[in-house]
Amino acid sequence: MTPSEFKSERLRQLVTVNYTHEDEEKIRDRDDFEEVGDVKGLFPDLNTELKEFEEMVCWKRIGNERIPEPAIGFDEGFDQANELVNEIKAKFDEILKDIKAQFNNDPNIKFSNAKYRYEIEIPERYVKGNKKPADFEYTSQRKGFQRFHTKLIKDWVNELEEAEEVLKQAIIPFICSLFSHFHSKSNIWGRAIS
């Protein structure tokens, strides 16, 4: 039901956005704009405030989840911590590339997170018996594959976990500033719900 379909003038006022004349001229061509005649809307225009929040937050996909985090440039401490995590993850890509090179660049060699983070999963034919490199430490297996860690991988996993902890702590000031910004607009939110 659209505002113009309500018989009660008060109800039309409550569900009609109170645009300034300049705003109304700008949005007249939008699909969701509806002319309601002489009715002066009471519902505040939240587009500007909502856009501010959309610009403050970006959504990062981790698996099937979408996680909010500060938009790049909004929080320098978070940006630095996030960059460190990304640099460490790039080190794992280099390690994987080097290990694959030892085994004819087999595409079946990959990281697994079965028992431990960043286990190297390698087809058994490469590592069965005494074929495995001396620096490989057996961690687990699945049918046709064995998984390993190396001292280098373990060291980088520790570095990554420390960097991820810094990242978790770095998001706290962002959350505080986000809520503070939300609170600073409380008069607008109050008009929307009262």
C-alpha atoms as a PDB file:
ATOM      1  CA  MET A   1       0.000   0.000   0.000  1.00  0.00           C
ATOM      2  CA  THR A   2       1.377   3.437  -0.864  1.00  0.00           C
ATOM      3  CA  PRO A   3       0.901   6.600   1.222  1.00  0.00           C
ATOM      4  CA  SER A   4      -1.573   8.112  -1.244  1.00  0.00           C
ATOM      5  CA  GLU A   5      -3.910   5.134  -0.770  1.00  0.00           C
ATOM      6  CA  PHE A   6      -4.496   5.896   2.919  1.00  0.00           C
ATOM      7  CA  LYS A   7      -7.727   7.757   3.701  1.00  0.00           C
ATOM      8  CA  SER A   8      -6.440   9.275   6.924  1.00  0.00           C
ATOM      9  CA  GLU A   9      -4.385  12.429   6.364  1.00  0.00           C
ATOM     10  CA  ARG A  10      -2.480  11.798   9.627  1.00  0.00           C
ATOM     11  CA  LEU A  11      -1.520   8.299   8.515  1.00  0.00           C
ATOM     12  CA  ARG A  12      -0.355   9.663   5.145  1.00  0.00           C
ATOM     13  CA  GLN A  13       1.790  12.211   7.019  1.00  0.00           C
ATOM     14  CA  LEU A  14       3.329   9.499   9.202  1.00  0.00           C
ATOM     15  CA  VAL A  15       4.372   7.305   6.281  1.00  0.00           C
ATOM     16  CA  THR A  16       5.454  10.103   3.934  1.00  0.00           C
ATOM     17  CA  VAL A  17       9.085  11.207   3.986  1.00  0.00           C
ATOM     18  CA  ASN A  18       9.635  14.838   4.921  1.00  0.00           C
ATOM     19  CA  TYR A  19      11.903  15.988   2.098  1.00  0.00           C
ATOM     20  CA  THR A  20      13.230  19.498   1.844  1.00  0.00           C
ATOM     21  CA  HIS A  21      12.321  21.229  -1.397  1.00  0.00           C
ATOM     22  CA  GLU A  22      15.894  20.804  -2.699  1.00  0.00           C
ATOM     23  CA  ASP A  23      15.888  17.094  -1.826  1.00  0.00           C
ATOM     24  CA  GLU A  24      12.531  16.603  -3.495  1.00  0.00           C
ATOM     25  CA  GLU A  25      13.846  18.132  -6.725  1.00  0.00           C
ATOM     26  CA  LYS A  26      16.880  15.817  -6.650  1.00  0.00           C
ATOM     27  CA  ILE A  27      14.926  12.602  -6.057  1.00  0.00           C
ATOM     28  CA  ARG A  28      11.794  13.252  -8.090  1.00  0.00           C
ATOM     29  CA  ASP A  29      13.030  10.833 -10.788  1.00  0.00           C
ATOM     30  CA  ARG A  30      13.759   7.953  -8.380  1.00  0.00           C
ATOM     31  CA  ASP A  31      11.593   4.834  -8.651  1.00  0.00           C
ATOM     32  CA  ASP A  32      10.557   4.943  -4.998  1.00  0.00           C
ATOM     33  CA  PHE A  33       9.479   8.612  -5.065  1.00  0.00           C
ATOM     34  CA  GLU A  34       5.753   9.162  -4.771  1.00  0.00           C
ATOM     35  CA  GLU A  35       4.015  12.498  -4.978  1.00  0.00           C
ATOM     36  CA  VAL A  36       1.413  12.702  -2.208  1.00  0.00           C
ATOM     37  CA  GLY A  37      -0.119  16.039  -3.080  1.00  0.00           C
ATOM     38  CA  ASP A  38      -0.204  18.672  -0.372  1.00  0.00           C
ATOM     39  CA  VAL A  39       0.544  16.238   2.460  1.00  0.00           C
ATOM     40  CA  LYS A  40       3.530  17.379   4.527  1.00  0.00           C
ATOM     41  CA  GLY A  41       5.388  14.197   5.461  1.00  0.00           C
ATOM     42  CA  LEU A  42       6.481  13.600   9.049  1.00  0.00           C
ATOM     43  CA  PHE A  43       8.821  10.667   8.501  1.00  0.00           C
ATOM     44  CA  PRO A  44      12.423  11.916   8.355  1.00  0.00           C
ATOM     45  CA  ASP A  45      14.517  11.395   5.228  1.00  0.00           C
ATOM     46  CA  LEU A  46      17.116   8.849   6.376  1.00  0.00           C
ATOM     47  CA  ASN A  47      18.882   8.429   3.024  1.00  0.00           C
ATOM     48  CA  THR A  48      21.842  10.675   3.899  1.00  0.00           C
ATOM     49  CA  GLU A  49      22.426   9.047   7.281  1.00  0.00           C
ATOM     50  CA  LEU A  50      22.073   5.522   5.919  1.00  0.00           C
ATOM     51  CA  LYS A  51      24.506   6.329   3.109  1.00  0.00           C
ATOM     52  CA  GLU A  52      27.038   7.556   5.700  1.00  0.00           C
ATOM     53  CA  PHE A  53      26.839   4.218   7.510  1.00  0.00           C
ATOM     54  CA  GLU A  54      27.087   2.282   4.250  1.00  0.00           C
ATOM     55  CA  GLU A  55      30.290   4.190   3.434  1.00  0.00           C
ATOM     56  CA  MET A  56      31.777   3.472   6.870  1.00  0.00           C
ATOM     57  CA  VAL A  57      31.360  -0.299   6.630  1.00  0.00           C
ATOM     58  CA  CYS A  58      32.405  -2.842   4.033  1.00  0.00           C
ATOM     59  CA  TRP A  59      31.292  -6.453   4.095  1.00  0.00           C
ATOM     60  CA  LYS A  60      33.984  -9.108   3.868  1.00  0.00           C
ATOM     61  CA  ARG A  61      32.981 -12.617   2.860  1.00  0.00           C
ATOM     62  CA  ILE A  62      34.567 -15.370   4.952  1.00  0.00           C
ATOM     63  CA  GLY A  63      33.222 -18.729   3.822  1.00  0.00           C
ATOM     64  CA  ASN A  64      29.456 -18.341   3.736  1.00  0.00           C
ATOM     65  CA  GLU A  65      29.420 -15.496   6.251  1.00  0.00           C
ATOM     66  CA  ARG A  66      29.513 -11.781   5.610  1.00  0.00           C
ATOM     67  CA  ILE A  67      31.499  -9.941   8.267  1.00  0.00           C
ATOM     68  CA  PRO A  68      31.359  -6.149   8.682  1.00  0.00           C
ATOM     69  CA  GLU A  69      34.613  -4.253   8.975  1.00  0.00           C
ATOM     70  CA  PRO A  70      35.670  -0.621   8.577  1.00  0.00           C
ATOM     71  CA  ALA A  71      35.876   0.653   5.031  1.00  0.00           C
ATOM     72  CA  ILE A  72      39.452   1.130   3.855  1.00  0.00           C
ATOM     73  CA  GLY A  73      40.767   4.468   5.049  1.00  0.00           C
ATOM     74  CA  PHE A  74      38.213   4.865   7.830  1.00  0.00           C
ATOM     75  CA  ASP A  75      40.367   3.407  10.628  1.00  0.00           C
ATOM     76  CA  GLU A  76      44.153   3.488  10.142  1.00  0.00           C
ATOM     77  CA  GLY A  77      44.881   1.053  12.999  1.00  0.00           C
ATOM     78  CA  PHE A  78      42.501  -1.513  11.555  1.00  0.00           C
ATOM     79  CA  ASP A  79      43.887  -0.995   8.036  1.00  0.00           C
ATOM     80  CA  GLN A  80      47.444  -1.661   9.261  1.00  0.00           C
ATOM     81  CA  ALA A  81      46.431  -4.777  11.206  1.00  0.00           C
ATOM     82  CA  ASN A  82      44.416  -6.065   8.246  1.00  0.00           C
ATOM     83  CA  GLU A  83      47.334  -5.450   5.883  1.00  0.00           C
ATOM     84  CA  LEU A  84      49.642  -7.464   8.160  1.00  0.00           C
ATOM     85  CA  VAL A  85      47.199 -10.402   8.157  1.00  0.00           C
ATOM     86  CA  ASN A  86      47.008 -10.245   4.349  1.00  0.00           C
ATOM     87  CA  GLU A  87      50.825 -10.136   4.047  1.00  0.00           C
ATOM     88  CA  ILE A  88      51.160 -13.222   6.235  1.00  0.00           C
ATOM     89  CA  LYS A  89      48.508 -15.071   4.213  1.00  0.00           C
ATOM     90  CA  ALA A  90      50.512 -14.196   1.092  1.00  0.00           C
ATOM     91  CA  LYS A  91      53.519 -15.930   2.706  1.00  0.00           C
ATOM     92  CA  PHE A  92      51.457 -19.122   2.865  1.00  0.00           C
ATOM     93  CA  ASP A  93      50.775 -18.824  -0.866  1.00  0.00           C
ATOM     94  CA  GLU A  94      54.546 -18.599  -1.450  1.00  0.00           C
ATOM     95  CA  ILE A  95      55.190 -21.610   0.782  1.00  0.00           C
ATOM     96  CA  LEU A  96      52.565 -23.640  -1.069  1.00  0.00           C
ATOM     97  CA  LYS A  97      54.084 -22.657  -4.412  1.00  0.00           C
ATOM     98  CA  ASP A  98      57.560 -23.746  -3.236  1.00  0.00           C
ATOM     99  CA  ILE A  99      56.275 -27.083  -1.933  1.00  0.00           C
ATOM    100  CA  LYS A 100      54.311 -27.754  -5.115  1.00  0.00           C
ATOM    101  CA  ALA A 101      57.509 -27.114  -7.085  1.00  0.00           C
ATOM    102  CA  GLN A 102      59.162 -29.977  -5.168  1.00  0.00           C
ATOM    103  CA  PHE A 103      56.403 -32.313  -6.396  1.00  0.00           C
ATOM    104  CA  ASN A 104      56.030 -31.465 -10.100  1.00  0.00           C
ATOM    105  CA  ASN A 105      53.524 -28.644  -9.389  1.00  0.00           C
ATOM    106  CA  ASP A 106      50.793 -31.190  -8.692  1.00  0.00           C
ATOM    107  CA  PRO A 107      47.480 -29.270  -8.388  1.00  0.00           C
ATOM    108  CA  ASN A 108      46.273 -31.772  -5.749  1.00  0.00           C
ATOM    109  CA  ILE A 109      48.785 -30.357  -3.272  1.00  0.00           C
ATOM    110  CA  LYS A 110      47.008 -27.750  -1.188  1.00  0.00           C
ATOM    111  CA  PHE A 111      46.490 -26.413   2.298  1.00  0.00           C
ATOM    112  CA  SER A 112      44.017 -28.117   4.583  1.00  0.00           C
ATOM    113  CA  ASN A 113      42.699 -27.003   7.941  1.00  0.00           C
ATOM    114  CA  ALA A 114      41.685 -30.442   9.195  1.00  0.00           C
ATOM    115  CA  LYS A 115      43.553 -30.921  12.465  1.00  0.00           C
ATOM    116  CA  TYR A 116      45.758 -27.841  12.368  1.00  0.00           C
ATOM    117  CA  ARG A 117      45.734 -24.645  10.365  1.00  0.00           C
ATOM    118  CA  TYR A 118      47.623 -24.662   7.093  1.00  0.00           C
ATOM    119  CA  GLU A 119      48.525 -28.329   6.917  1.00  0.00           C
ATOM    120  CA  ILE A 120      50.066 -29.234   3.570  1.00  0.00           C
ATOM    121  CA  GLU A 121      47.962 -31.995   2.024  1.00  0.00           C
ATOM    122  CA  ILE A 122      49.971 -34.138  -0.402  1.00  0.00           C
ATOM    123  CA  PRO A 123      49.024 -37.269  -2.359  1.00  0.00           C
ATOM    124  CA  GLU A 124      50.502 -40.331  -0.623  1.00  0.00           C
ATOM    125  CA  ARG A 125      52.445 -41.415  -3.710  1.00  0.00           C
ATOM    126  CA  TYR A 126      54.866 -38.500  -3.119  1.00  0.00           C
ATOM    127  CA  VAL A 127      55.466 -39.050   0.586  1.00  0.00           C
ATOM    128  CA  LYS A 128      54.813 -42.735   1.304  1.00  0.00           C
ATOM    129  CA  GLY A 129      57.545 -44.487   3.272  1.00  0.00           C
ATOM    130  CA  ASN A 130      60.806 -42.549   3.327  1.00  0.00           C
ATOM    131  CA  LYS A 131      59.951 -40.293   0.347  1.00  0.00           C
ATOM    132  CA  LYS A 132      58.825 -37.335   2.449  1.00  0.00           C
ATOM    133  CA  PRO A 133      61.240 -34.443   2.932  1.00  0.00           C
ATOM    134  CA  ALA A 134      63.065 -34.383   6.278  1.00  0.00           C
ATOM    135  CA  ASP A 135      61.464 -31.116   7.395  1.00  0.00           C
ATOM    136  CA  PHE A 136      57.881 -32.464   6.983  1.00  0.00           C
ATOM    137  CA  GLU A 137      56.140 -33.349  10.263  1.00  0.00           C
ATOM    138  CA  TYR A 138      53.191 -35.711   9.836  1.00  0.00           C
ATOM    139  CA  THR A 139      49.953 -34.260  11.276  1.00  0.00           C
ATOM    140  CA  SER A 140      47.019 -36.238   9.831  1.00  0.00           C
ATOM    141  CA  GLN A 141      45.698 -37.997   6.762  1.00  0.00           C
ATOM    142  CA  ARG A 142      42.689 -38.762   4.615  1.00  0.00           C
ATOM    143  CA  LYS A 143      42.260 -41.467   2.035  1.00  0.00           C
ATOM    144  CA  GLY A 144      45.049 -41.135  -0.525  1.00  0.00           C
ATOM    145  CA  PHE A 145      46.609 -38.063   1.141  1.00  0.00           C
ATOM    146  CA  GLN A 146      48.882 -37.248   4.048  1.00  0.00           C
ATOM    147  CA  ARG A 147      49.085 -33.890   5.794  1.00  0.00           C
ATOM    148  CA  PHE A 148      52.192 -32.199   7.129  1.00  0.00           C
ATOM    149  CA  HIS A 149      53.506 -29.144   8.862  1.00  0.00           C
ATOM    150  CA  THR A 150      56.988 -27.711   8.614  1.00  0.00           C
ATOM    151  CA  LYS A 151      58.778 -25.515  11.124  1.00  0.00           C
ATOM    152  CA  LEU A 152      58.334 -22.593   8.717  1.00  0.00           C
ATOM    153  CA  ILE A 153      54.583 -23.195   8.442  1.00  0.00           C
ATOM    154  CA  LYS A 154      54.234 -23.450  12.221  1.00  0.00           C
ATOM    155  CA  ASP A 155      56.157 -20.207  12.677  1.00  0.00           C
ATOM    156  CA  TRP A 156      53.926 -18.406  10.157  1.00  0.00           C
ATOM    157  CA  VAL A 157      50.765 -19.873  11.740  1.00  0.00           C
ATOM    158  CA  ASN A 158      51.903 -18.382  15.076  1.00  0.00           C
ATOM    159  CA  GLU A 159      52.583 -15.036  13.368  1.00  0.00           C
ATOM    160  CA  LEU A 160      49.157 -15.167  11.722  1.00  0.00           C
ATOM    161  CA  GLU A 161      47.368 -15.935  14.981  1.00  0.00           C
ATOM    162  CA  GLU A 162      49.118 -13.014  16.694  1.00  0.00           C
ATOM    163  CA  ALA A 163      48.224 -10.698  13.791  1.00  0.00           C
ATOM    164  CA  GLU A 164      44.593 -11.891  13.855  1.00  0.00           C
ATOM    165  CA  GLU A 165      44.423 -11.126  17.567  1.00  0.00           C
ATOM    166  CA  VAL A 166      45.722  -7.593  16.892  1.00  0.00           C
ATOM    167  CA  LEU A 167      43.087  -7.303  14.155  1.00  0.00           C
ATOM    168  CA  LYS A 168      40.328  -8.354  16.586  1.00  0.00           C
ATOM    169  CA  GLN A 169      41.487  -5.684  19.035  1.00  0.00           C
ATOM    170  CA  ALA A 170      41.767  -3.078  16.266  1.00  0.00           C
ATOM    171  CA  ILE A 171      38.084  -3.400  15.403  1.00  0.00           C
ATOM    172  CA  ILE A 172      36.979  -2.289  18.888  1.00  0.00           C
ATOM    173  CA  PRO A 173      37.678   1.448  18.328  1.00  0.00           C
ATOM    174  CA  PHE A 174      35.803   1.230  15.010  1.00  0.00           C
ATOM    175  CA  ILE A 175      32.767  -0.309  16.690  1.00  0.00           C
ATOM    176  CA  CYS A 176      32.875   2.407  19.366  1.00  0.00           C
ATOM    177  CA  SER A 177      33.058   5.166  16.742  1.00  0.00           C
ATOM    178  CA  LEU A 178      30.245   3.534  14.767  1.00  0.00           C
ATOM    179  CA  PHE A 179      27.966   3.499  17.814  1.00  0.00           C
ATOM    180  CA  SER A 180      29.050   7.014  18.727  1.00  0.00           C
ATOM    181  CA  HIS A 181      28.173   8.194  15.223  1.00  0.00           C
ATOM    182  CA  PHE A 182      24.827   6.398  15.445  1.00  0.00           C
ATOM    183  CA  HIS A 183      24.145   8.051  18.805  1.00  0.00           C
ATOM    184  CA  SER A 184      25.018  11.484  17.421  1.00  0.00           C
ATOM    185  CA  LYS A 185      22.075  11.066  15.023  1.00  0.00           C
ATOM    186  CA  SER A 186      19.665  10.020  17.779  1.00  0.00           C
ATOM    187  CA  ASN A 187      17.302  12.924  17.082  1.00  0.00           C
ATOM    188  CA  ILE A 188      16.733  11.621  13.530  1.00  0.00           C
ATOM    189  CA  TRP A 189      16.281   8.002  14.638  1.00  0.00           C
ATOM    190  CA  GLY A 190      13.913   9.211  17.377  1.00  0.00           C
ATOM    191  CA  ARG A 191      11.741  11.030  14.847  1.00  0.00           C
ATOM    192  CA  ALA A 192      11.607   7.895  12.706  1.00  0.00           C
ATOM    193  CA  ILE A 193      10.270   5.715  15.517  1.00  0.00           C
ATOM    194  CA  SER A 194       8.051   8.151  17.422  1.00  0.00           C
END
